[in-house]
Protein backbone atom coordinates (compact mmCIF):
# COMPACT_ATOMS: atom_id res chain seq x y z
CA MET A 1 -28.88 -4.42 29.07
CA CYS A 2 -26.11 -5.52 26.68
CA TYR A 3 -24.14 -8.45 28.09
CA LYS A 4 -21.08 -7.49 25.99
CA CYS A 5 -20.45 -3.94 27.18
CA LYS A 6 -22.70 -4.02 30.27
CA GLN A 7 -24.47 -0.83 29.13
CA SER A 8 -28.22 -0.31 28.85
CA GLY A 9 -30.17 1.01 25.89
CA HIS A 10 -29.33 -1.62 23.28
CA MET A 11 -29.09 -5.36 22.73
CA ALA A 12 -25.89 -7.35 22.30
CA VAL A 13 -26.46 -7.81 18.55
CA GLU A 14 -26.51 -4.01 18.17
CA CYS A 15 -23.48 -3.35 20.35
CA GLY A 16 -20.89 -1.22 18.61
CA SER A 17 -18.34 -1.03 21.42
CA LEU A 18 -16.57 -4.23 20.45
CA PRO A 19 -14.69 -4.66 17.15
CA SER A 20 -16.40 -6.79 14.55
CA ARG A 21 -14.59 -10.03 13.78
CA LYS A 22 -15.33 -9.91 10.08
CA LEU A 23 -12.92 -10.38 7.20
CA LYS A 24 -12.76 -7.12 5.25
CA MET A 25 -11.40 -6.18 1.85
CA PHE A 26 -9.17 -3.13 1.31
CA GLY A 27 -7.14 -1.64 -1.54
CA PHE A 28 -8.72 -3.51 -4.43
CA GLY A 29 -9.25 -0.22 -6.28
CA VAL A 30 -5.50 -0.28 -7.03
CA PRO A 31 -4.20 -3.25 -9.06
CA GLY A 32 -1.82 -5.34 -6.98
CA GLN A 33 -2.53 -3.48 -3.72
CA GLY A 34 -5.61 -5.33 -2.47
CA PHE A 35 -5.65 -7.41 0.70
CA TYR A 36 -7.98 -9.03 3.24
CA SER A 37 -7.89 -7.96 6.88
CA ILE A 38 -9.42 -8.98 10.20
CA GLU A 39 -8.81 -7.42 13.61
CA LEU A 40 -8.30 -9.72 16.61
CA PRO A 41 -7.50 -7.58 19.68
CA ASN A 42 -4.87 -8.93 22.09
CA LYS A 43 -4.05 -11.73 19.68
CA GLY A 44 -1.43 -12.28 17.03
CA LYS A 45 1.54 -11.57 19.28
CA PRO A 46 4.43 -13.94 18.54
CA GLU A 47 4.94 -16.64 21.14
CA GLN A 48 8.46 -17.38 19.93
CA PHE A 49 11.51 -15.22 20.59
CA SER A 50 11.39 -13.31 17.35
CA GLY A 51 14.44 -11.60 15.89
CA LEU A 52 15.36 -9.62 12.78
CA VAL A 53 18.64 -10.30 10.98
CA SER A 54 19.82 -7.35 8.86
CA VAL A 55 22.54 -8.13 6.32
CA ILE A 56 24.91 -5.14 6.25
CA GLY A 57 27.68 -6.65 4.16
CA GLY A 58 28.38 -9.63 1.96
CA GLY A 59 31.22 -12.06 2.19
CA GLY A 60 32.87 -14.38 -0.25
CA GLY A 61 29.87 -16.71 -0.18
CA GLY A 62 27.66 -14.51 -2.35
CA GLU A 63 24.20 -13.11 -1.66
CA ALA A 64 22.41 -13.92 1.59
CA THR A 65 19.60 -16.49 1.38
CA GLU A 66 17.30 -18.20 3.84
CA ALA A 67 19.29 -21.43 3.57
CA LYS A 68 22.62 -19.69 4.18
CA LEU A 69 21.36 -17.80 7.22
CA ASP A 70 19.79 -20.93 8.64
CA ALA A 71 23.13 -22.72 8.39
CA GLU A 72 24.96 -19.73 9.91
CA LEU A 73 22.56 -19.47 12.87
CA LYS A 74 22.74 -23.20 13.55
CA ASN A 75 26.52 -22.87 13.63
CA LEU A 76 26.38 -19.73 15.80
CA VAL A 77 23.59 -20.50 18.28
CA SER A 78 22.16 -24.03 18.25
CA GLU A 79 22.57 -26.80 15.70
CA GLN A 80 19.32 -28.54 16.72
CA TRP A 81 17.04 -25.48 16.58
CA ASP A 82 14.72 -24.61 13.69
CA PHE A 83 15.20 -20.86 13.23
CA GLN A 84 12.32 -20.55 10.73
CA VAL A 85 14.28 -18.08 8.61
CA ARG A 86 12.02 -16.07 6.30
CA LYS A 87 13.09 -13.31 3.92
CA PHE A 88 11.43 -9.98 4.78
CA THR A 89 13.19 -7.52 2.44
CA ASN A 90 16.24 -7.76 0.19
CA SER A 91 18.51 -7.34 3.20
CA GLU A 92 16.36 -8.41 6.17
CA PHE A 93 15.30 -11.82 7.45
CA ARG A 94 12.95 -12.75 10.29
CA VAL A 95 14.07 -15.60 12.54
CA SER A 96 12.91 -17.40 15.69
CA PHE A 97 15.48 -17.86 18.46
CA PRO A 98 15.40 -20.81 20.90
CA ASP A 99 15.25 -18.62 24.03
CA GLN A 100 15.22 -15.03 25.25
CA SER A 101 18.76 -15.28 26.60
CA SER A 102 20.38 -16.00 23.23
CA LEU A 103 18.32 -13.29 21.51
CA ASP A 104 19.29 -10.74 24.17
CA THR A 105 22.97 -11.65 23.88
CA PHE A 106 23.30 -11.33 20.09
CA SER A 107 21.05 -8.27 19.82
CA LYS A 108 23.56 -6.30 21.93
CA ILE A 109 26.35 -6.82 19.37
CA SER A 110 26.57 -4.06 16.74
CA LYS A 111 27.94 -6.31 13.97
CA ILE A 112 28.54 -10.03 13.64
CA VAL A 113 30.69 -11.63 10.94
CA LEU A 114 29.28 -15.10 10.37
CA ALA A 115 31.81 -17.90 10.00
CA ILE A 116 30.59 -20.02 7.08
CA TYR A 117 29.78 -17.50 4.31
CA GLY A 118 31.39 -14.40 5.81
CA LEU A 119 28.15 -12.41 5.92
CA LYS A 120 28.11 -9.28 8.10
CA VAL A 121 24.83 -9.04 9.99
CA LYS A 122 23.08 -7.13 12.77
CA ILE A 123 20.61 -9.06 14.96
CA SER A 124 17.81 -7.16 16.67
CA LYS A 125 14.61 -7.99 18.54
CA SER A 126 11.32 -7.98 16.66
CA SER A 127 7.64 -8.01 17.58
CA ILE A 128 6.66 -9.57 14.25
CA ASP A 129 5.78 -13.24 14.09
CA PRO A 130 8.62 -14.98 12.19
CA ILE A 131 6.14 -17.05 10.16
CA ALA A 132 4.30 -13.94 8.89
CA SER A 133 4.47 -13.45 5.12
CA VAL A 134 4.31 -9.63 4.93
CA VAL A 135 3.60 -6.57 7.07
CA LEU A 136 1.38 -3.68 5.98
CA GLN A 137 3.01 -0.26 5.75
CA PRO A 138 1.54 2.78 7.57
CA ALA A 139 1.16 6.01 5.62
CA TRP A 140 -0.78 9.26 5.33
CA ILE A 141 -2.73 9.83 2.13
CA LYS A 142 -4.52 12.88 0.73
CA ILE A 143 -7.93 12.63 -0.92
CA HIS A 144 -8.91 15.35 -3.40
CA GLY A 145 -12.26 16.14 -4.97
CA VAL A 146 -14.67 14.94 -2.27
CA PRO A 147 -17.84 17.09 -2.45
CA SER A 148 -18.63 19.19 0.63
CA PHE A 149 -21.77 17.23 1.53
CA ALA A 150 -19.75 13.98 1.72
CA ARG A 151 -16.96 15.24 3.99
CA GLU A 152 -17.91 13.02 6.93
CA GLU A 153 -15.61 10.61 8.77
CA GLU A 154 -17.54 7.42 8.03
CA VAL A 155 -17.99 8.36 4.36
CA ILE A 156 -14.28 9.13 4.00
CA LYS A 157 -13.35 5.78 5.54
CA GLU A 158 -15.56 3.99 3.02
CA ILE A 159 -13.91 5.89 0.16
CA THR A 160 -10.43 5.23 1.54
CA SER A 161 -11.08 1.47 1.71
CA LEU A 162 -10.82 1.39 -2.09
CA VAL A 163 -7.07 2.04 -1.88
CA ALA A 164 -6.04 1.11 1.70
CA GLU A 165 -7.23 0.25 5.20
CA PRO A 166 -8.35 3.46 6.94
CA ILE A 167 -7.01 3.96 10.46
CA LYS A 168 -7.72 7.59 11.33
CA VAL A 169 -9.22 10.58 9.53
CA ASP A 170 -7.69 14.00 10.21
CA ASP A 171 -10.70 15.86 11.63
CA PHE A 172 -9.25 19.30 10.88
CA SER A 173 -8.89 18.51 7.17
CA LEU A 174 -12.60 17.67 7.07
CA LEU A 175 -13.49 21.20 8.18
CA ARG A 176 -11.12 23.11 5.91
CA ASP A 177 -11.31 23.56 2.14
CA GLU A 178 -8.34 21.32 1.41
CA PRO A 179 -7.51 17.69 0.61
CA ILE A 180 -8.63 15.26 3.31
CA ARG A 181 -5.83 13.47 5.17
CA VAL A 182 -6.24 9.86 6.27
CA ARG A 183 -3.89 7.54 8.15
CA VAL A 184 -3.89 4.13 6.46
CA ASN A 185 -2.28 0.70 6.32
CA CYS A 186 -1.32 -0.45 2.83
CA ARG A 187 1.02 -2.68 0.85
CA ASP A 188 3.06 0.03 -0.89
CA PRO A 189 2.43 3.75 -0.22
CA ALA A 190 4.30 4.76 -3.38
CA LYS A 191 1.64 3.09 -5.54
CA LEU A 192 -1.32 4.92 -4.00
CA ARG A 193 -1.59 7.54 -6.76
CA GLY A 194 -4.56 7.84 -9.07
CA VAL A 195 -8.25 8.59 -9.36
CA VAL A 196 -11.46 6.66 -8.81
CA GLU A 197 -14.79 7.85 -10.17
CA ILE A 198 -17.36 7.61 -7.36
CA PHE A 199 -21.07 8.37 -7.63
CA PHE A 200 -22.80 10.27 -4.82
CA ASN A 201 -26.59 10.12 -5.14
CA GLY A 202 -26.17 9.23 -8.81
CA VAL A 203 -23.72 12.04 -9.64
CA GLY A 204 -20.11 11.08 -10.45
CA TYR A 205 -17.00 12.75 -9.04
CA ASP A 206 -13.34 12.09 -9.78
CA ILE A 207 -11.74 11.35 -6.39
CA LYS A 208 -7.95 11.64 -6.47
CA PHE A 209 -5.63 9.81 -4.09
CA ALA A 210 -1.94 10.43 -3.36
CA ALA A 211 0.30 9.26 -0.53
CA GLU A 212 2.23 11.94 1.33
CA GLY A 213 5.99 11.90 0.88
CA THR A 214 5.98 9.99 -2.43
CA GLN A 215 7.71 11.36 -5.51
CA GLY A 216 7.19 11.13 -9.23
CA ARG A 217 4.58 12.22 -11.76
CA VAL A 218 0.98 11.14 -11.62
CA PRO A 219 0.14 9.29 -14.89
CA GLY A 220 -2.29 11.14 -17.13
CA ARG A 221 -5.78 9.76 -17.62
CA GLY A 222 -5.56 7.51 -20.65
CA ASP A 223 -1.85 6.76 -20.30
CA GLY A 224 -0.54 3.26 -20.77
CA PRO A 225 1.63 1.47 -18.20
CA SER A 226 3.95 3.55 -16.07
CA GLY A 227 6.84 4.94 -18.08
CA SER A 228 5.25 4.36 -21.49
CA ARG A 229 5.26 8.10 -22.23
CA ASP A 230 9.03 8.05 -22.08
CA LYS A 231 9.27 5.26 -24.66
CA PRO A 232 8.30 6.71 -28.09
CA ASP A 233 9.82 3.73 -29.87
CA ASP A 234 7.60 1.16 -28.13
CA GLN A 235 7.38 -2.06 -30.15
CA SER A 236 3.61 -1.99 -30.17
CA GLY A 237 3.59 1.35 -31.98
CA LYS A 238 0.63 2.44 -29.92
CA ARG A 239 2.26 5.57 -28.50
CA GLY A 240 3.48 6.62 -31.94
CA GLU A 241 0.01 6.29 -33.34
CA ASP A 242 -1.39 8.33 -30.45
CA LYS A 243 1.07 11.13 -31.10
CA GLU A 244 0.21 11.26 -34.80
CA ASN A 245 -3.46 11.55 -34.08
CA GLY A 246 -2.88 14.02 -31.23
CA LYS A 247 -5.38 12.07 -29.18
CA SER A 248 -5.17 9.18 -26.78
CA PHE A 249 -7.97 7.35 -25.13
CA ARG A 250 -8.40 4.41 -22.88
CA LYS A 251 -11.51 2.26 -22.83
CA MET A 252 -12.20 -0.35 -20.20
CA ASP A 253 -15.10 -2.76 -20.52
CA GLY A 254 -17.12 -2.79 -17.31
CA ASN A 255 -18.66 -6.15 -18.17
CA ASN A 256 -15.39 -7.98 -18.69
CA LYS A 257 -15.25 -10.94 -16.29
CA GLY A 258 -17.62 -9.32 -13.85
CA ASN A 259 -15.46 -6.26 -13.13
CA THR A 260 -16.52 -2.62 -13.15
CA PHE A 261 -14.32 0.08 -14.63
CA ALA A 262 -14.66 3.78 -15.39
CA ASP A 263 -15.39 4.26 -19.12
CA LYS A 264 -14.00 7.59 -20.21
CA ASP A 265 -12.21 9.08 -23.23
CA MET A 266 -9.79 11.95 -22.69
CA ASP A 267 -8.30 14.25 -25.33
CA PHE A 268 -4.66 15.09 -24.91
CA ARG A 269 -3.94 18.44 -26.54
CA GLN A 270 -0.52 19.87 -27.25
CA GLY A 271 1.04 23.25 -26.54
CA GLU A 272 -0.78 25.66 -24.29
CA SER A 273 -3.42 23.15 -23.18
CA GLN A 274 -0.78 21.25 -21.24
CA ASP A 275 0.17 24.42 -19.35
CA ASP A 276 -3.50 25.07 -18.64
CA SER A 277 -3.93 21.61 -17.17
CA MET A 278 -0.91 22.19 -14.93
CA GLU A 279 -2.45 25.42 -13.62
CA ASP A 280 -5.76 23.68 -12.98
CA LEU A 281 -4.03 20.95 -11.00
CA ILE A 282 -2.22 23.49 -8.84
CA ARG A 283 -5.42 25.44 -8.20
CA ASP A 284 -7.43 22.40 -7.10
CA GLY A 285 -4.73 21.32 -4.63
CA SER A 286 -3.48 18.24 -6.46
CA PRO A 287 -0.09 17.03 -5.18
CA VAL A 288 2.72 18.51 -7.26
CA ASP A 289 5.52 18.11 -4.77
CA GLU A 290 8.06 16.81 -7.24
CA GLY A 291 8.11 15.54 -10.77
CA ARG A 292 5.45 16.26 -13.34
CA ALA A 293 1.83 16.41 -12.21
CA GLU A 294 -1.03 15.59 -14.58
CA ASP A 295 -4.50 14.20 -14.35
CA ALA A 296 -4.41 10.89 -12.54
CA ILE A 297 -5.18 7.63 -14.23
CA PRO A 298 -8.44 6.04 -13.09
CA LEU A 299 -8.05 3.12 -10.73
CA ALA A 300 -10.24 0.13 -11.44
CA ALA A 301 -12.09 -1.28 -8.44
CA TYR A 302 -12.50 -5.02 -8.85
CA PRO A 303 -13.18 -8.04 -6.62
CA GLY A 304 -10.36 -9.60 -4.68
CA GLY A 305 -8.33 -12.41 -6.14
CA PHE A 306 -8.78 -11.27 -9.75
CA GLN A 307 -5.75 -10.18 -11.72
CA LEU A 308 -5.82 -8.17 -14.87
CA GLY A 309 -4.65 -10.08 -17.90
């Protein structure tokens, strides 16, 4: 009998009923979107009285900063308290109040004009620890191009881990001939657009990813940085040279600093071939909600902590 779950038929070391306390890596297939994650059930809840200060208008004192809000809160609530003000977004700051009573009082007020710098703010309750550095964003993503024999929940979660932390796979999308939907946690849903080449039993497939609800064109395979197509007068002259040759390719060395990349050359043809590629994308179910849809640029999967030069 397993002493963890109190069920018979397996030993404690083989018990799968309890979450594994292992540090996992997610999102490192997308540059700048990788992170490490560990699940600790019933832990991580803030012990302080956490609040969120939303700046809804500026005063004569200029832009809101952590130092300014700290001074304002000391003047408004308690001069001796450390509010641990941390910037969350451009207009939101997380703070720790001295007690539940003060947090309840100020969270009921729709707008507060602070006395020192004239900032207009809204204070609300928060379940996020005020000392946290960032919070992952939930999103739904679509995965295109997965072969029929690999459309299994555990396989899809492994594939999804290249771009985000998988939370739930839409079971119905596994059964139908359509892109697979997965609920994920990620840094920035808008950046989850591209393609990773994955080998199943030694055979490679281009697996496309796109977050639902995001807008904008998917960069073509072989494109430079985002927006480079719209800059024909780039100082490097690279785009101009590509246009003269009628061909653009991108090569990535898989042995460079221990990273693995997809090595592939793609021809970019003019005229009717571009229309053909658009029709192909629509037929295979690629996301073409808004903007211009093209073949997606391959995402390079590389170990955590490494940044491309």
